[in-house]
């Protein structure tokens, strides 16, 4: 049982309680002056203090108040006759013992209050443990939130160490990291400064700890005290640690990120770590693993993107140089063929003319291929020039029809137009729209057999009235207002439904015998798509295998259009 202090001037009461409690409690004291009372309280806090109400050597009410303010959990009892009690006692006293109470009742009362005191102490400890646990959980939650808010490796490590400091109040940590910089680094966070000799010892210890993790297995990174960079973070540089730091309690853990090893951490503390400390330490170190993995992946993505951007620049430069080098000899070849076919170099035989015409057609094809490659390269680089002005789509359709009339006749294809009357003028680049329509008509001629027909149509529609197949519904849904719809409808080989979207992919041709014969770069439709997109419109197709195809593009009518200094369309 506990410790009891009796405050009384009555020797009979002191002897009675001493004899009664002898062997029942740990320690019994009795006194009657203020000095002795406070000496006992300071030396060994009593579990129960029993006051005799008849004491005259001290101010009893004042003494009880002072003791109660100092010892919140100590139980205070009053020996009283039960008459004329001071009105302050109920607020100050835990219980009463009547002077004429039998010994059994006195003993029972004391035992009850000692048990109450023990339970209160136990509850206080549990409350403190609970408060500590809640605080640590709060730190863990806060630290985890910080982990989730960054992909910076340096910040992640700092958050981990700050979390450990808040919850464990360490003296010193040593963290080896292999993902912090482009070289292994030892990060030392210390309450006090560290001498150069101690720093070297900590570095050696950290390296040995790291190598001990792998024993006979292959070490992920070879490090020694010469190539291990150190970073020191000191809280209080006015004091210094010495080698007694190695006598402190310590904990050690690897920092793993899945199948990769990131580093390891050792933590020192002058006081002993508890089991709860060890659990929290391991939890927080493991918590940082996933964000570190994400940070590593993010870093790899950034590096890969930089590499891809570099490759893209190299590719663009290469295409530009090669295209230029190809176009340079094509011009004199084309001029030479024109001179030969004109007869200025003499009369040519039928076979010669035939071969010259074939050479001219191939030079033209090669020129078109080079132009397509240059155009798609300019579009992807954002360097395509546009000249927007008020124009009517009828003039574009008319020019394309005139240019392809002879080609259609050569292929024995009927070429028609079906245009709506009085279409409104729009702001657009007529040359680029002509390029789009040329690509669509050229494709239609390639894939339309002899005896069939191709028709260019134009009309005006509201976006909500435009209908298409499910493959292009999402693109149509982005449209709003009135649009001029231009369509190229053929009776060609058609496209399977599942291949409709592929038609607008770069370097793609839908595989069948006729497409292989037709050849081409497969860039015509991707170029057309980007040019229409630059006009704030959209392009799509409807087709059925062996029943022909319809390619459509929509150009906005109602939008107010502005231009910047680079002549870029702004809607």
Protein backbone atom coordinates (compact mmCIF):
# COMPACT_ATOMS: atom_id res chain seq x y z
CA UNK A 1 0.00 0.00 0.00
CA UNK A 2 0.95 3.67 -0.16
CA UNK A 3 2.59 6.36 1.94
CA UNK A 4 0.61 8.29 4.60
CA UNK A 5 1.29 11.61 6.34
CA UNK A 6 -0.64 12.43 9.55
CA UNK A 7 -0.73 16.10 10.60
CA UNK A 8 -1.68 16.27 14.31
CA UNK A 9 -0.45 17.65 17.66
CA UNK A 10 -2.16 14.89 19.59
CA UNK A 11 0.35 12.16 20.50
CA UNK A 12 -2.44 9.71 21.28
CA UNK A 13 -3.88 10.09 17.76
CA UNK A 14 -0.39 9.80 16.21
CA UNK A 15 0.38 6.60 18.21
CA UNK A 16 -3.05 5.15 17.46
CA UNK A 17 -2.73 5.61 13.67
CA UNK A 18 0.90 4.48 13.64
CA UNK A 19 0.02 1.24 15.44
CA UNK A 20 -3.13 0.76 13.40
CA UNK A 21 -1.41 1.18 10.00
CA UNK A 22 1.85 -0.56 10.94
CA UNK A 23 2.47 -3.31 8.38
CA UNK A 24 -0.48 -2.19 6.30
CA UNK A 25 1.27 0.60 4.36
CA UNK A 26 4.73 1.35 2.96
CA UNK A 27 5.58 4.36 5.08
CA UNK A 28 3.95 6.45 7.86
CA UNK A 29 4.94 10.00 8.89
CA UNK A 30 3.43 12.32 11.49
CA UNK A 31 4.23 15.99 12.17
CA UNK A 32 2.62 19.20 13.33
CA UNK A 33 4.64 22.14 11.93
CA UNK A 34 4.73 23.69 8.46
CA UNK A 35 8.44 23.14 7.85
CA UNK A 36 8.26 19.42 8.53
CA UNK A 37 5.09 19.09 6.43
CA UNK A 38 6.68 20.59 3.31
CA UNK A 39 9.98 18.74 3.82
CA UNK A 40 8.11 15.41 3.79
CA UNK A 41 6.00 16.45 0.79
CA UNK A 42 9.11 17.48 -1.19
CA UNK A 43 11.06 14.34 -0.22
CA UNK A 44 8.39 11.72 -0.76
CA UNK A 45 4.92 12.60 -2.02
CA UNK A 46 2.28 11.01 0.25
CA UNK A 47 -0.64 9.10 -1.24
CA UNK A 48 -2.88 10.21 1.64
CA UNK A 49 -2.59 13.16 4.05
CA UNK A 50 -4.74 12.95 7.19
CA UNK A 51 -5.43 16.26 9.02
CA UNK A 52 -6.54 16.54 12.64
CA UNK A 53 -9.11 19.35 12.78
CA UNK A 54 -8.08 20.21 16.36
CA UNK A 55 -4.50 21.20 15.42
CA UNK A 56 -3.74 24.74 16.55
CA UNK A 57 -0.10 25.19 15.51
CA UNK A 58 -0.98 25.86 11.87
CA UNK A 59 -3.73 27.55 9.87
CA UNK A 60 -5.45 24.35 8.80
CA UNK A 61 -7.66 25.74 5.99
CA UNK A 62 -4.79 27.67 4.42
CA UNK A 63 -2.42 24.69 4.69
CA UNK A 64 -4.95 22.34 3.09
CA UNK A 65 -5.49 24.80 0.21
CA UNK A 66 -1.73 25.10 -0.46
CA UNK A 67 -1.16 21.34 -0.33
CA UNK A 68 -4.16 20.66 -2.59
CA UNK A 69 -2.80 23.10 -5.20
CA UNK A 70 0.57 21.32 -5.17
CA UNK A 71 -0.63 17.69 -5.02
CA UNK A 72 -3.63 17.22 -7.27
CA UNK A 73 -3.83 13.41 -6.99
CA UNK A 74 -3.07 13.10 -3.25
CA UNK A 75 -6.16 12.20 -1.19
CA UNK A 76 -6.84 14.55 1.77
CA UNK A 77 -8.78 13.19 4.82
CA UNK A 78 -9.99 15.05 7.92
CA UNK A 79 -10.26 13.62 11.46
CA UNK A 80 -13.29 15.38 12.90
CA UNK A 81 -15.97 15.10 15.55
CA UNK A 82 -18.48 15.98 12.82
CA UNK A 83 -19.78 19.21 14.38
CA UNK A 84 -19.45 22.81 13.20
CA UNK A 85 -17.41 21.93 10.09
CA UNK A 86 -15.94 24.83 8.13
CA UNK A 87 -17.93 25.42 4.91
CA UNK A 88 -14.70 25.24 2.84
CA UNK A 89 -13.99 21.60 3.78
CA UNK A 90 -16.37 19.94 1.26
CA UNK A 91 -14.47 21.64 -1.57
CA UNK A 92 -11.03 20.71 -0.19
CA UNK A 93 -11.33 17.36 1.55
CA UNK A 94 -11.68 13.95 -0.14
CA UNK A 95 -13.25 12.28 2.94
CA UNK A 96 -13.79 12.33 6.72
CA UNK A 97 -12.86 10.04 9.66
CA UNK A 98 -14.87 10.48 12.82
CA UNK A 99 -12.79 10.62 16.02
CA UNK A 100 -14.78 7.87 17.66
CA UNK A 101 -14.74 5.58 14.60
CA UNK A 102 -13.75 1.97 15.30
CA UNK A 103 -10.32 0.84 14.15
CA UNK A 104 -11.77 -1.42 11.43
CA UNK A 105 -13.64 1.50 9.87
CA UNK A 106 -10.56 3.74 10.01
CA UNK A 107 -8.44 1.06 8.40
CA UNK A 108 -11.09 0.37 5.75
CA UNK A 109 -11.40 4.10 4.94
CA UNK A 110 -7.64 4.50 4.57
CA UNK A 111 -7.39 1.39 2.36
CA UNK A 112 -10.25 2.62 0.17
CA UNK A 113 -8.63 5.99 -0.40
CA UNK A 114 -5.21 4.43 -1.05
CA UNK A 115 -6.83 2.20 -3.68
CA UNK A 116 -8.55 5.25 -5.15
CA UNK A 117 -5.19 7.04 -5.32
CA UNK A 118 -3.55 4.06 -7.04
CA UNK A 119 -6.38 3.92 -9.59
CA UNK A 120 -6.07 7.65 -10.23
CA UNK A 121 -2.30 7.30 -10.74
CA UNK A 122 -2.87 4.41 -13.13
CA UNK A 123 -5.50 6.40 -15.01
CA UNK A 124 -3.15 9.38 -15.15
CA UNK A 125 -0.41 7.21 -16.68
CA UNK A 126 -2.86 5.77 -19.18
CA UNK A 127 -4.12 9.23 -20.05
CA UNK A 128 -0.55 10.38 -20.58
CA UNK A 129 0.15 7.35 -22.77
CA UNK A 130 -3.05 8.03 -24.68
CA UNK A 131 -2.13 11.69 -25.11
CA UNK A 132 1.33 10.65 -26.34
CA UNK A 133 -0.21 8.15 -28.76
CA UNK A 134 -2.69 10.74 -30.05
CA UNK A 135 0.12 13.26 -30.49
CA UNK A 136 2.21 10.73 -32.42
CA UNK A 137 -0.75 9.75 -34.57
CA UNK A 138 -1.30 13.41 -35.32
CA UNK A 139 2.38 13.81 -36.23
CA UNK A 140 2.19 10.68 -38.39
CA UNK A 141 -0.94 11.98 -40.16
CA UNK A 142 0.60 15.41 -40.66
CA UNK A 143 3.85 13.92 -41.97
CA UNK A 144 1.96 11.56 -44.30
CA UNK A 145 0.02 14.56 -45.65
CA UNK A 146 3.33 16.31 -46.32
CA UNK A 147 4.61 13.18 -48.06
CA UNK A 148 1.58 13.26 -50.35
CA UNK A 149 2.15 16.90 -51.24
CA UNK A 150 5.56 16.67 -52.90
CA UNK A 151 7.66 14.63 -55.31
CA UNK A 152 10.89 16.28 -54.18
CA UNK A 153 13.25 13.70 -52.64
CA UNK A 154 15.02 16.26 -50.46
CA UNK A 155 11.72 17.49 -48.99
CA UNK A 156 10.51 13.93 -48.38
CA UNK A 157 13.61 13.10 -46.34
CA UNK A 158 13.31 16.37 -44.41
CA UNK A 159 9.65 15.64 -43.61
CA UNK A 160 10.59 12.16 -42.36
CA UNK A 161 13.33 13.52 -40.09
CA UNK A 162 11.08 16.34 -38.80
CA UNK A 163 8.40 13.76 -37.97
CA UNK A 164 10.92 11.64 -36.05
CA UNK A 165 12.17 14.70 -34.19
CA UNK A 166 8.65 15.79 -33.15
CA UNK A 167 7.61 12.36 -31.91
CA UNK A 168 10.87 10.84 -30.58
CA UNK A 169 12.95 13.94 -29.70
CA UNK A 170 16.15 12.35 -30.97
CA UNK A 171 19.64 13.70 -30.33
CA UNK A 172 21.15 12.78 -33.68
CA UNK A 173 20.25 10.99 -36.93
CA UNK A 174 22.44 9.73 -39.76
CA UNK A 175 20.67 9.12 -43.08
CA UNK A 176 22.41 7.65 -46.11
CA UNK A 177 20.53 8.48 -49.32
CA UNK A 178 21.13 7.30 -52.89
CA UNK A 179 18.30 9.30 -54.48
CA UNK A 180 18.92 12.72 -52.99
CA UNK A 181 21.52 13.89 -55.49
CA UNK A 182 23.50 12.29 -58.30
CA UNK A 183 25.86 10.78 -55.73
CA UNK A 184 25.50 9.03 -52.34
CA UNK A 185 25.08 11.48 -49.47
CA UNK A 186 25.08 11.21 -45.67
CA UNK A 187 22.63 13.64 -44.05
CA UNK A 188 23.35 14.29 -40.35
CA UNK A 189 20.71 16.05 -38.24
CA UNK A 190 21.98 16.84 -34.76
CA UNK A 191 20.85 18.68 -31.63
CA UNK A 192 24.45 19.86 -31.01
CA UNK A 193 27.49 20.45 -33.18
CA UNK A 194 29.81 17.60 -34.24
CA UNK A 195 33.59 17.67 -34.34
CA UNK A 196 35.42 16.60 -37.49
CA UNK A 197 36.71 13.44 -35.72
CA UNK A 198 33.19 12.47 -34.62
CA UNK A 199 31.88 13.22 -38.11
CA UNK A 200 34.41 10.83 -39.62
CA UNK A 201 33.43 8.16 -37.09
CA UNK A 202 29.74 8.62 -37.87
CA UNK A 203 30.47 8.37 -41.57
CA UNK A 204 32.38 5.11 -41.08
CA UNK A 205 29.66 3.70 -38.83
CA UNK A 206 26.95 4.58 -41.38
CA UNK A 207 28.89 2.86 -44.19
CA UNK A 208 29.38 -0.28 -42.08
CA UNK A 209 25.70 -0.32 -41.12
CA UNK A 210 24.74 0.02 -44.77
CA UNK A 211 27.01 -2.81 -45.89
CA UNK A 212 25.81 -5.06 -43.06
CA UNK A 213 22.32 -5.05 -44.59
CA UNK A 214 23.49 -7.12 -47.53
CA UNK A 215 26.05 -9.51 -46.00
CA UNK A 216 26.85 -11.96 -48.83
CA UNK A 217 24.43 -10.35 -51.31
CA UNK A 218 25.47 -7.86 -53.92
CA UNK A 219 25.63 -4.28 -52.60
CA UNK A 220 23.47 -1.92 -54.73
CA UNK A 221 25.96 0.96 -54.51
CA UNK A 222 29.65 0.86 -53.63
CA UNK A 223 30.51 3.65 -51.20
CA UNK A 224 33.45 4.54 -48.97
CA UNK A 225 34.39 7.43 -46.70
CA UNK A 226 36.02 9.25 -49.64
CA UNK A 227 33.06 9.35 -52.05
CA UNK A 228 30.33 9.79 -49.42
CA UNK A 229 29.32 13.44 -49.40
CA UNK A 230 28.05 14.78 -46.04
CA UNK A 231 25.41 17.39 -45.20
CA UNK A 232 25.13 18.65 -41.59
CA UNK A 233 22.03 20.25 -40.07
CA UNK A 234 22.79 21.50 -36.52
CA UNK A 235 20.13 22.91 -34.19
CA UNK A 236 22.35 24.31 -31.43
CA UNK A 237 25.93 24.98 -32.60
CA UNK A 238 27.01 26.43 -29.22
CA UNK A 239 27.41 22.92 -27.75
CA UNK A 240 29.25 19.90 -29.11
CA UNK A 241 28.76 16.15 -28.92
CA UNK A 242 31.69 13.88 -28.19
CA UNK A 243 32.19 10.14 -28.65
CA UNK A 244 29.82 9.38 -25.75
CA UNK A 245 27.08 9.67 -28.39
CA UNK A 246 27.84 6.04 -29.24
CA UNK A 247 26.73 5.05 -25.72
CA UNK A 248 23.25 6.45 -26.39
CA UNK A 249 20.35 4.18 -27.26
CA UNK A 250 19.92 3.82 -31.01
CA UNK A 251 17.64 2.39 -33.73
CA UNK A 252 18.49 1.54 -37.34
CA UNK A 253 16.32 0.82 -40.41
CA UNK A 254 16.73 0.51 -44.19
CA UNK A 255 14.66 2.72 -46.50
CA UNK A 256 13.35 0.38 -49.20
CA UNK A 257 11.14 1.40 -52.11
CA UNK A 258 9.74 -1.84 -53.43
CA UNK A 259 12.43 -3.71 -55.30
CA UNK A 260 14.84 -0.77 -55.02
CA UNK A 261 17.06 0.30 -52.13
CA UNK A 262 16.98 4.01 -51.37
CA UNK A 263 19.12 4.30 -48.26
CA UNK A 264 19.15 3.74 -44.49
CA UNK A 265 18.76 5.73 -41.27
CA UNK A 266 20.15 5.46 -37.72
CA UNK A 267 18.76 7.49 -34.84
CA UNK A 268 20.42 8.20 -31.44
CA UNK A 269 18.80 9.25 -28.14
CA UNK A 270 20.29 9.70 -24.68
CA UNK A 271 17.20 8.17 -23.01
CA UNK A 272 16.08 4.66 -23.84
CA UNK A 273 13.70 4.04 -26.71
CA UNK A 274 10.49 2.19 -25.80
CA UNK A 275 8.75 -0.53 -27.79
CA UNK A 276 6.26 2.09 -28.95
CA UNK A 277 9.16 4.29 -30.06
CA UNK A 278 10.52 1.43 -32.17
CA UNK A 279 7.12 0.77 -33.75
CA UNK A 280 6.63 4.44 -34.59
CA UNK A 281 10.16 4.69 -35.99
CA UNK A 282 9.64 1.71 -38.31
CA UNK A 283 6.19 3.00 -39.35
CA UNK A 284 7.40 6.46 -40.32
CA UNK A 285 10.44 5.12 -42.19
CA UNK A 286 8.24 2.71 -44.15
CA UNK A 287 5.68 5.50 -44.79
CA UNK A 288 8.23 7.52 -46.74
CA UNK A 289 9.03 4.60 -49.06
CA UNK A 290 6.06 4.94 -51.43
CA UNK A 291 6.42 8.73 -51.95
CA UNK A 292 10.15 8.22 -52.54
CA UNK A 293 9.32 5.62 -55.18
CA UNK A 294 6.86 8.05 -56.80
CA UNK A 295 9.50 10.79 -56.66
CA UNK A 296 11.99 8.46 -58.37
CA UNK A 297 9.50 7.59 -61.09
CA UNK A 298 8.65 11.27 -61.55
CA UNK A 299 12.34 12.08 -61.90
CA UNK A 300 12.70 9.32 -64.51
CA UNK A 301 9.69 10.68 -66.40
CA UNK A 302 11.19 14.18 -66.40
CA UNK A 303 14.48 12.80 -67.71
CA UNK A 304 12.72 10.72 -70.36
CA UNK A 305 10.66 13.73 -71.44
CA UNK A 306 13.82 15.80 -71.77
CA UNK A 307 15.38 13.03 -73.84
CA UNK A 308 12.25 12.78 -76.00
CA UNK A 309 12.17 16.54 -76.49
CA UNK A 310 15.80 16.43 -77.54
CA UNK A 311 15.09 13.56 -79.93
CA UNK A 312 12.08 15.46 -81.29
CA UNK A 313 14.26 18.51 -81.96
CA UNK A 314 16.89 16.33 -83.63
CA UNK A 315 14.17 14.59 -85.67
CA UNK A 316 12.67 17.91 -86.79
CA UNK A 317 16.08 19.25 -87.75
CA UNK A 318 16.90 16.02 -89.57
CA UNK A 319 13.60 16.05 -91.49
CA UNK A 320 14.06 19.69 -92.39
CA UNK A 321 17.64 19.13 -93.63
CA UNK A 322 16.83 15.93 -95.53
CA UNK A 323 13.70 17.44 -97.09
CA UNK A 324 15.66 20.49 -98.19
CA UNK A 325 18.41 18.30 -99.63
CA UNK A 326 15.81 16.26 -101.52
CA UNK A 327 13.92 19.26 -102.86
CA UNK A 328 17.05 21.02 -104.10
CA UNK A 329 17.84 18.49 -106.89
CA UNK A 330 14.14 17.93 -107.69
CA UNK A 331 13.69 21.46 -109.07
CA UNK A 332 16.37 21.16 -111.80
CA UNK A 333 15.22 17.59 -112.57
CA UNK A 334 11.64 18.84 -113.01
CA UNK A 335 12.81 21.75 -115.21
CA UNK A 336 14.98 19.44 -117.32
CA UNK A 337 12.06 17.05 -117.88
CA UNK A 338 9.82 19.96 -118.89
CA UNK A 339 12.40 21.16 -121.42
CA UNK A 340 12.77 17.68 -122.88
CA UNK A 341 9.01 17.13 -123.18
CA UNK A 342 8.57 20.57 -124.83
CA UNK A 343 10.70 19.46 -127.82
CA UNK A 344 13.24 22.27 -127.45
CA UNK A 345 16.02 19.68 -127.42
CA UNK A 346 14.78 17.90 -130.48
CA UNK A 347 11.95 15.67 -131.49
CA UNK A 348 11.39 12.73 -129.15
CA UNK A 349 10.01 9.36 -129.99
CA UNK A 350 6.81 7.99 -128.52
CA UNK A 351 8.65 5.79 -126.00
CA UNK A 352 10.85 8.68 -124.90
CA UNK A 353 7.84 10.90 -124.26
CA UNK A 354 6.20 8.05 -122.31
CA UNK A 355 9.23 7.65 -120.03
CA UNK A 356 9.62 11.40 -119.56
CA UNK A 357 5.95 11.70 -118.52
CA UNK A 358 6.45 8.83 -116.07
CA UNK A 359 9.51 10.58 -114.64
CA UNK A 360 7.55 13.85 -114.30
CA UNK A 361 4.73 12.09 -112.43
CA UNK A 362 7.20 10.47 -110.02
CA UNK A 363 8.99 13.76 -109.44
CA UNK A 364 5.60 15.30 -108.63
CA UNK A 365 4.77 12.43 -106.26
CA UNK A 366 8.12 12.76 -104.52
CA UNK A 367 7.58 16.54 -104.18
CA UNK A 368 4.17 15.92 -102.61
CA UNK A 369 5.64 13.39 -100.16
CA UNK A 370 8.35 15.86 -99.12
CA UNK A 371 5.75 18.62 -98.72
CA UNK A 372 3.59 16.34 -96.55
CA UNK A 373 6.54 15.48 -94.29
CA UNK A 374 7.49 19.15 -93.97
CA UNK A 375 3.89 20.16 -93.24
CA UNK A 376 3.34 17.60 -90.48
CA UNK A 377 6.70 18.57 -89.00
CA UNK A 378 5.73 22.27 -89.00
CA UNK A 379 2.33 21.52 -87.48
CA UNK A 380 3.83 19.45 -84.64
CA UNK A 381 6.42 22.16 -83.98
CA UNK A 382 3.72 24.86 -84.00
CA UNK A 383 5.42 26.65 -86.91
CA UNK A 384 2.73 26.31 -89.58
CA UNK A 385 1.82 29.72 -91.05
CA UNK A 386 -1.82 30.71 -91.55
CA UNK A 387 -3.27 33.64 -93.44
CA UNK A 388 -6.80 34.12 -92.12
CA UNK A 389 -9.13 36.42 -94.01
CA UNK A 390 -12.77 36.70 -95.01
CA UNK A 391 -13.45 34.19 -97.78
CA UNK A 392 -16.15 31.95 -99.24
CA UNK A 393 -15.80 28.17 -99.27
CA UNK A 394 -17.27 28.02 -102.79
CA UNK A 395 -14.04 29.37 -104.31
CA UNK A 396 -11.99 26.63 -102.60
CA UNK A 397 -14.33 23.88 -103.80
CA UNK A 398 -14.34 25.30 -107.33
CA UNK A 399 -10.52 25.43 -107.54
CA UNK A 400 -10.12 21.87 -106.28
CA UNK A 401 -12.77 20.58 -108.70
CA UNK A 402 -11.03 22.27 -111.66
CA UNK A 403 -7.66 20.82 -110.61
CA UNK A 404 -8.99 17.25 -110.33
CA UNK A 405 -11.40 17.13 -113.29
CA UNK A 406 -8.73 15.82 -115.66
CA UNK A 407 -7.34 13.38 -113.09
CA UNK A 408 -10.85 11.96 -112.51
CA UNK A 409 -11.38 11.53 -116.23
CA UNK A 410 -8.06 9.68 -116.55
CA UNK A 411 -9.27 7.27 -113.86
CA UNK A 412 -12.70 7.05 -115.53
CA UNK A 413 -14.40 8.43 -112.39
CA UNK A 414 -17.38 10.78 -112.44
CA UNK A 415 -16.54 13.93 -110.47
CA UNK A 416 -19.47 16.08 -109.21
CA UNK A 417 -20.20 18.93 -106.83
CA UNK A 418 -23.38 19.58 -104.85
CA UNK A 419 -23.10 22.94 -103.11
CA UNK A 420 -25.66 24.81 -101.05
CA UNK A 421 -26.49 28.28 -102.36
CA UNK A 422 -25.56 31.51 -100.57
CA UNK A 423 -23.21 30.06 -97.97
CA UNK A 424 -21.92 32.82 -95.65
CA UNK A 425 -18.36 34.08 -95.75
CA UNK A 426 -16.02 32.84 -92.99
CA UNK A 427 -12.63 33.82 -91.65
CA UNK A 428 -10.21 31.13 -92.82
CA UNK A 429 -6.99 30.42 -94.71
CA UNK A 430 -8.21 29.50 -98.20
CA UNK A 431 -4.86 27.94 -99.14
CA UNK A 432 -4.92 25.59 -96.13
CA UNK A 433 -8.57 24.65 -96.71
CA UNK A 434 -7.66 23.96 -100.32
CA UNK A 435 -4.89 21.69 -99.05
CA UNK A 436 -7.39 19.82 -96.84
CA UNK A 437 -9.90 19.37 -99.65
CA UNK A 438 -7.13 18.35 -102.07
CA UNK A 439 -6.01 15.61 -99.66
CA UNK A 440 -9.58 14.31 -99.29
CA UNK A 441 -10.28 14.30 -103.05
CA UNK A 442 -6.88 12.78 -103.84
CA UNK A 443 -7.58 9.92 -101.38
CA UNK A 444 -11.04 9.43 -102.83
CA UNK A 445 -9.61 9.08 -106.35
CA UNK A 446 -6.96 6.61 -105.14
CA UNK A 447 -9.52 4.31 -103.56
CA UNK A 448 -12.44 4.63 -105.98
CA UNK A 449 -12.61 2.06 -108.83
CA UNK A 450 -13.30 2.96 -112.47
CA UNK A 451 -16.91 3.69 -113.35
CA UNK A 452 -17.74 5.03 -109.85
CA UNK A 453 -18.32 8.61 -108.70
CA UNK A 454 -16.98 11.22 -106.26
CA UNK A 455 -19.03 14.21 -105.06
CA UNK A 456 -18.00 17.35 -103.13
CA UNK A 457 -20.89 18.68 -101.05
CA UNK A 458 -21.36 21.81 -98.93
CA UNK A 459 -24.14 22.87 -96.56
CA UNK A 460 -24.76 24.80 -93.36
CA UNK A 461 -25.89 23.07 -90.17
CA UNK A 462 -26.28 23.73 -86.48
CA UNK A 463 -23.95 21.63 -84.32
CA UNK A 464 -26.88 19.86 -82.63
CA UNK A 465 -28.13 18.63 -86.04
CA UNK A 466 -24.81 17.03 -87.06
CA UNK A 467 -24.98 13.24 -86.93
CA UNK A 468 -22.13 10.76 -87.15
CA UNK A 469 -21.08 7.29 -86.07
CA UNK A 470 -20.15 6.58 -82.39
CA UNK A 471 -16.40 6.83 -83.10
CA UNK A 472 -16.56 10.62 -83.56
CA UNK A 473 -19.47 11.54 -81.25
CA UNK A 474 -17.22 13.10 -78.59
CA UNK A 475 -15.65 15.45 -81.13
CA UNK A 476 -19.03 16.53 -82.49
CA UNK A 477 -20.27 17.21 -78.93
CA UNK A 478 -17.59 19.91 -78.52
CA UNK A 479 -19.13 21.95 -81.37
CA UNK A 480 -21.55 24.79 -80.69
CA UNK A 481 -23.41 27.08 -83.09
CA UNK A 482 -23.62 27.05 -86.89
CA UNK A 483 -21.05 25.36 -89.12
CA UNK A 484 -20.35 25.01 -92.83
CA UNK A 485 -20.01 21.28 -93.54
CA UNK A 486 -17.88 20.24 -96.52
CA UNK A 487 -18.04 16.56 -97.51
CA UNK A 488 -16.19 14.39 -100.01
CA UNK A 489 -18.38 11.36 -100.81
CA UNK A 490 -17.02 8.46 -102.87
CA UNK A 491 -18.16 5.04 -104.04
CA UNK A 492 -14.80 3.48 -103.29
CA UNK A 493 -13.61 0.47 -101.31
CA UNK A 494 -14.71 1.90 -97.96
CA UNK A 495 -13.23 1.37 -94.49
CA UNK A 496 -14.10 -1.18 -91.81
CA UNK A 497 -15.83 0.43 -88.81
CA UNK A 498 -13.06 -0.52 -86.38
CA UNK A 499 -10.49 1.20 -88.63
CA UNK A 500 -12.23 4.58 -88.91
CA UNK A 501 -10.17 6.26 -86.16
CA UNK A 502 -6.93 4.82 -87.55
CA UNK A 503 -7.50 6.73 -90.78
CA UNK A 504 -6.34 9.94 -89.02
CA UNK A 505 -3.18 8.40 -87.49
CA UNK A 506 0.20 9.39 -88.89
CA UNK A 507 1.87 7.08 -91.40
CA UNK A 508 -1.20 4.80 -91.40
CA UNK A 509 -2.94 3.22 -94.35
CA UNK A 510 -5.75 0.74 -93.93
CA UNK A 511 -4.46 -2.57 -95.25
CA UNK A 512 -6.06 -3.93 -98.40
CA UNK A 513 -4.85 -4.63 -101.90
CA UNK A 514 -5.94 -1.31 -103.37
CA UNK A 515 -4.32 0.77 -100.62
CA UNK A 516 -1.03 -1.01 -101.13
CA UNK A 517 -1.16 -0.23 -104.85
CA UNK A 518 -2.04 3.40 -104.16
CA UNK A 519 0.97 3.97 -101.88
CA UNK A 520 1.57 7.34 -100.21
CA UNK A 521 2.93 8.57 -96.88
CA UNK A 522 -0.26 8.19 -94.88
CA UNK A 523 0.12 11.85 -93.77
CA UNK A 524 -2.69 13.43 -95.81
CA UNK A 525 -5.50 12.88 -93.30
CA UNK A 526 -3.42 13.70 -90.16
CA UNK A 527 -2.38 16.97 -91.85
CA UNK A 528 -6.01 17.69 -92.78
CA UNK A 529 -7.09 17.04 -89.17
CA UNK A 530 -4.53 19.49 -87.76
CA UNK A 531 -5.36 22.19 -90.32
CA UNK A 532 -9.09 21.96 -89.56
CA UNK A 533 -8.33 21.99 -85.83
CA UNK A 534 -6.41 25.25 -86.37
CA UNK A 535 -9.66 26.66 -87.81
CA UNK A 536 -11.54 25.65 -84.61
CA UNK A 537 -13.40 23.00 -86.55
CA UNK A 538 -13.38 19.22 -86.64
CA UNK A 539 -13.09 16.44 -89.21
CA UNK A 540 -14.62 12.95 -89.26
CA UNK A 541 -15.62 10.16 -91.58
CA UNK A 542 -18.45 7.68 -92.19
CA UNK A 543 -17.79 4.55 -94.16
CA UNK A 544 -18.87 1.01 -94.86
CA UNK A 545 -16.57 -1.57 -96.38
CA UNK A 546 -17.07 -1.98 -100.16
CA UNK A 547 -19.78 0.74 -100.14
CA UNK A 548 -17.76 3.93 -100.14
CA UNK A 549 -16.67 6.61 -97.68
CA UNK A 550 -17.72 10.13 -96.70
CA UNK A 551 -15.16 12.49 -95.23
CA UNK A 552 -16.57 15.66 -93.63
CA UNK A 553 -15.10 18.75 -92.03
CA UNK A 554 -16.95 21.51 -90.16
CA UNK A 555 -15.91 25.18 -90.10
CA UNK A 556 -17.45 27.66 -87.60
CA UNK A 557 -19.66 30.44 -88.95
CA UNK A 558 -20.93 32.36 -85.92
CA UNK A 559 -17.73 32.80 -83.93
CA UNK A 560 -16.11 36.22 -83.63
CA UNK A 561 -12.52 35.87 -84.77
CA UNK A 562 -9.50 37.92 -83.81
CA UNK A 563 -5.89 37.68 -84.91
CA UNK A 564 -2.64 38.26 -83.07
CA UNK A 565 0.62 39.54 -84.55
CA UNK A 566 1.51 36.03 -85.74
CA UNK A 567 -1.79 35.81 -87.63
CA UNK A 568 -2.96 32.96 -85.38
CA UNK A 569 -6.67 32.35 -85.19
CA UNK A 570 -8.28 33.29 -81.87
CA UNK A 571 -11.92 32.42 -81.18
